[in-house]
N, C-alpha and C. Protein backbone atom coordinates (compact mmCIF):
# COMPACT_ATOMS: atom_id res chain seq x y z
N MET A 1 103.61 32.79 227.39
CA MET A 1 102.21 33.16 227.28
C MET A 1 101.56 32.47 226.09
N ASP A 2 102.36 32.17 225.08
CA ASP A 2 101.84 31.51 223.88
C ASP A 2 101.31 30.12 224.23
N ARG A 3 101.95 29.43 225.14
CA ARG A 3 101.51 28.09 225.53
C ARG A 3 100.18 28.13 226.29
N VAL A 4 99.93 29.20 227.01
CA VAL A 4 98.65 29.33 227.73
C VAL A 4 97.51 29.46 226.73
N VAL A 5 97.72 30.23 225.68
CA VAL A 5 96.70 30.38 224.64
C VAL A 5 96.44 29.03 223.98
N TRP A 6 97.53 28.29 223.65
CA TRP A 6 97.37 26.96 223.05
C TRP A 6 96.60 26.03 223.97
N LEU A 7 96.87 26.11 225.27
CA LEU A 7 96.17 25.26 226.23
C LEU A 7 94.67 25.58 226.22
N PHE A 8 94.33 26.87 226.24
CA PHE A 8 92.92 27.26 226.20
C PHE A 8 92.26 26.80 224.91
N VAL A 9 92.96 26.90 223.80
CA VAL A 9 92.41 26.48 222.52
C VAL A 9 92.15 24.97 222.52
N LEU A 10 93.12 24.20 223.00
CA LEU A 10 92.95 22.74 223.03
C LEU A 10 91.82 22.32 223.96
N VAL A 11 91.72 22.96 225.11
CA VAL A 11 90.63 22.64 226.04
C VAL A 11 89.28 23.00 225.41
N ALA A 12 89.20 24.16 224.77
CA ALA A 12 87.94 24.56 224.14
C ALA A 12 87.56 23.60 223.02
N LEU A 13 88.53 23.18 222.22
CA LEU A 13 88.22 22.22 221.16
C LEU A 13 87.77 20.88 221.73
N ALA A 14 88.37 20.45 222.82
CA ALA A 14 87.95 19.20 223.46
C ALA A 14 86.52 19.31 223.98
N VAL A 15 86.18 20.46 224.57
CA VAL A 15 84.81 20.67 225.06
C VAL A 15 83.82 20.70 223.89
N ILE A 16 84.21 21.31 222.78
CA ILE A 16 83.33 21.36 221.61
C ILE A 16 83.08 19.96 221.07
N VAL A 17 84.12 19.15 220.96
CA VAL A 17 83.96 17.78 220.45
C VAL A 17 83.12 16.94 221.41
N ALA A 18 83.35 17.11 222.72
CA ALA A 18 82.57 16.37 223.71
C ALA A 18 81.10 16.78 223.65
N SER A 19 80.84 18.05 223.46
CA SER A 19 79.46 18.52 223.36
C SER A 19 78.78 17.99 222.11
N LEU A 20 79.52 17.94 221.00
CA LEU A 20 78.96 17.36 219.78
C LEU A 20 78.66 15.88 219.97
N GLY A 21 79.55 15.16 220.65
CA GLY A 21 79.31 13.75 220.93
C GLY A 21 78.10 13.55 221.82
N SER A 22 77.97 14.40 222.83
CA SER A 22 76.80 14.30 223.70
C SER A 22 75.52 14.60 222.93
N GLY A 23 75.57 15.59 222.05
CA GLY A 23 74.39 15.91 221.24
C GLY A 23 74.02 14.76 220.32
N LEU A 24 75.03 14.13 219.72
CA LEU A 24 74.77 12.98 218.85
C LEU A 24 74.16 11.82 219.63
N PHE A 25 74.68 11.59 220.82
CA PHE A 25 74.15 10.51 221.67
C PHE A 25 72.67 10.75 221.99
N HIS A 26 72.34 11.97 222.41
CA HIS A 26 70.95 12.25 222.76
C HIS A 26 70.04 12.30 221.53
N LEU A 27 70.60 12.66 220.38
CA LEU A 27 69.82 12.63 219.14
C LEU A 27 69.50 11.19 218.75
N ALA A 28 70.48 10.30 218.93
CA ALA A 28 70.27 8.90 218.55
C ALA A 28 69.30 8.20 219.48
N ARG A 29 69.33 8.54 220.77
CA ARG A 29 68.40 7.90 221.72
C ARG A 29 66.96 8.31 221.44
N GLY A 30 66.76 9.61 221.25
CA GLY A 30 65.45 10.09 220.81
C GLY A 30 64.33 10.00 221.83
N GLY A 31 64.64 9.99 223.12
CA GLY A 31 63.60 9.97 224.13
C GLY A 31 62.99 11.34 224.35
N ALA A 32 61.97 11.38 225.20
CA ALA A 32 61.29 12.64 225.48
C ALA A 32 62.21 13.61 226.23
N ASP A 33 62.98 13.10 227.17
CA ASP A 33 63.88 13.94 227.95
C ASP A 33 65.14 14.30 227.16
N ASP A 34 65.46 13.51 226.14
CA ASP A 34 66.69 13.72 225.38
C ASP A 34 66.63 14.98 224.51
N SER A 35 65.44 15.46 224.19
CA SER A 35 65.33 16.65 223.37
C SER A 35 65.92 17.87 224.08
N GLN A 36 65.62 18.00 225.37
CA GLN A 36 66.17 19.13 226.13
C GLN A 36 67.68 18.98 226.31
N ARG A 37 68.14 17.77 226.52
CA ARG A 37 69.58 17.55 226.69
C ARG A 37 70.33 17.80 225.38
N LEU A 38 69.71 17.46 224.26
CA LEU A 38 70.30 17.73 222.96
C LEU A 38 70.43 19.24 222.75
N ALA A 39 69.38 19.98 223.05
CA ALA A 39 69.42 21.43 222.90
C ALA A 39 70.47 22.04 223.82
N ARG A 40 70.59 21.54 225.04
CA ARG A 40 71.58 22.05 225.99
C ARG A 40 73.00 21.77 225.48
N ALA A 41 73.24 20.57 224.95
CA ALA A 41 74.57 20.22 224.46
C ALA A 41 74.96 21.10 223.28
N LEU A 42 74.03 21.35 222.38
CA LEU A 42 74.34 22.18 221.22
C LEU A 42 74.49 23.65 221.61
N THR A 43 73.76 24.10 222.62
CA THR A 43 73.93 25.46 223.13
C THR A 43 75.31 25.64 223.75
N ILE A 44 75.75 24.64 224.49
CA ILE A 44 77.10 24.69 225.06
C ILE A 44 78.14 24.76 223.96
N ARG A 45 77.94 24.01 222.89
CA ARG A 45 78.89 24.03 221.78
C ARG A 45 78.97 25.40 221.15
N ILE A 46 77.83 26.04 220.96
CA ILE A 46 77.81 27.37 220.35
C ILE A 46 78.49 28.39 221.25
N VAL A 47 78.20 28.34 222.54
CA VAL A 47 78.80 29.30 223.48
C VAL A 47 80.31 29.12 223.54
N VAL A 48 80.78 27.88 223.61
CA VAL A 48 82.22 27.64 223.68
C VAL A 48 82.90 28.04 222.37
N SER A 49 82.24 27.80 221.24
CA SER A 49 82.81 28.20 219.95
C SER A 49 82.94 29.72 219.86
N LEU A 50 81.92 30.44 220.29
CA LEU A 50 82.00 31.90 220.28
C LEU A 50 83.06 32.41 221.26
N ALA A 51 83.17 31.78 222.42
CA ALA A 51 84.19 32.17 223.39
C ALA A 51 85.59 31.91 222.84
N LEU A 52 85.76 30.79 222.14
CA LEU A 52 87.05 30.49 221.52
C LEU A 52 87.39 31.53 220.47
N PHE A 53 86.44 31.90 219.65
CA PHE A 53 86.68 32.94 218.64
C PHE A 53 87.07 34.25 219.29
N ALA A 54 86.35 34.63 220.35
CA ALA A 54 86.67 35.87 221.06
C ALA A 54 88.06 35.79 221.69
N LEU A 55 88.41 34.66 222.26
CA LEU A 55 89.74 34.48 222.85
C LEU A 55 90.83 34.66 221.80
N LEU A 56 90.64 34.07 220.63
CA LEU A 56 91.63 34.19 219.56
C LEU A 56 91.75 35.63 219.08
N MET A 57 90.66 36.35 218.96
CA MET A 57 90.71 37.74 218.54
C MET A 57 91.40 38.62 219.59
N ILE A 58 91.11 38.37 220.86
CA ILE A 58 91.74 39.13 221.94
C ILE A 58 93.23 38.83 222.01
N ALA A 59 93.59 37.56 221.88
CA ALA A 59 95.01 37.19 221.90
C ALA A 59 95.75 37.80 220.73
N TRP A 60 95.13 37.86 219.57
CA TRP A 60 95.75 38.49 218.41
C TRP A 60 95.90 39.99 218.62
N TYR A 61 94.88 40.62 219.18
CA TYR A 61 94.91 42.06 219.42
C TYR A 61 96.04 42.45 220.37
N PHE A 62 96.25 41.66 221.41
CA PHE A 62 97.29 41.96 222.39
C PHE A 62 98.66 41.40 222.00
N GLY A 63 98.76 40.78 220.84
CA GLY A 63 100.05 40.31 220.36
C GLY A 63 100.51 38.99 220.94
N LEU A 64 99.61 38.25 221.58
CA LEU A 64 99.99 36.95 222.14
C LEU A 64 100.15 35.89 221.07
N ILE A 65 99.42 36.05 219.98
CA ILE A 65 99.56 35.16 218.82
C ILE A 65 99.69 36.04 217.59
N SER A 66 100.28 35.50 216.55
CA SER A 66 100.40 36.27 215.32
C SER A 66 100.20 35.35 214.13
N PRO A 67 99.56 35.84 213.09
CA PRO A 67 99.38 35.02 211.89
C PRO A 67 100.70 34.87 211.16
N HIS A 68 100.80 33.84 210.37
CA HIS A 68 101.99 33.62 209.56
C HIS A 68 101.55 33.29 208.15
N PRO A 69 102.42 33.56 207.16
CA PRO A 69 102.04 33.26 205.78
C PRO A 69 102.01 31.75 205.54
N LEU A 70 101.25 31.36 204.56
CA LEU A 70 101.19 29.94 204.20
C LEU A 70 102.54 29.51 203.64
N GLN A 71 102.97 28.33 204.00
CA GLN A 71 104.23 27.81 203.48
C GLN A 71 104.03 27.37 202.03
N GLY A 72 104.95 27.72 201.19
CA GLY A 72 104.87 27.33 199.79
C GLY A 72 103.89 28.15 198.99
N GLY A 73 103.47 29.28 199.54
CA GLY A 73 102.52 30.12 198.83
C GLY A 73 103.19 30.96 197.76
N TYR A 74 102.47 31.88 197.21
CA TYR A 74 102.96 32.73 196.16
C TYR A 74 104.05 33.66 196.70
N SER A 75 105.15 33.76 196.03
CA SER A 75 106.21 34.70 196.41
C SER A 75 106.78 35.34 195.15
N GLN A 76 107.23 36.54 195.28
CA GLN A 76 107.75 37.27 194.13
C GLN A 76 109.25 37.20 194.06
């Protein structure tokens, strides 16, 4: 089940990066129609980012993922 969560995380990150690239492309072109496409691309990025955050919180709540201490951190 841990690999399924990783797969969803990687896909979500790929969609976020693609959306940012699309937004940058439409920002650079700067046409009249590109303004709406830029807003749509950035809206998709925000929605996917929030969905990814919710997925991580749900996976943590159900025990599918667990945090770990930093390596080389403070120890007594």
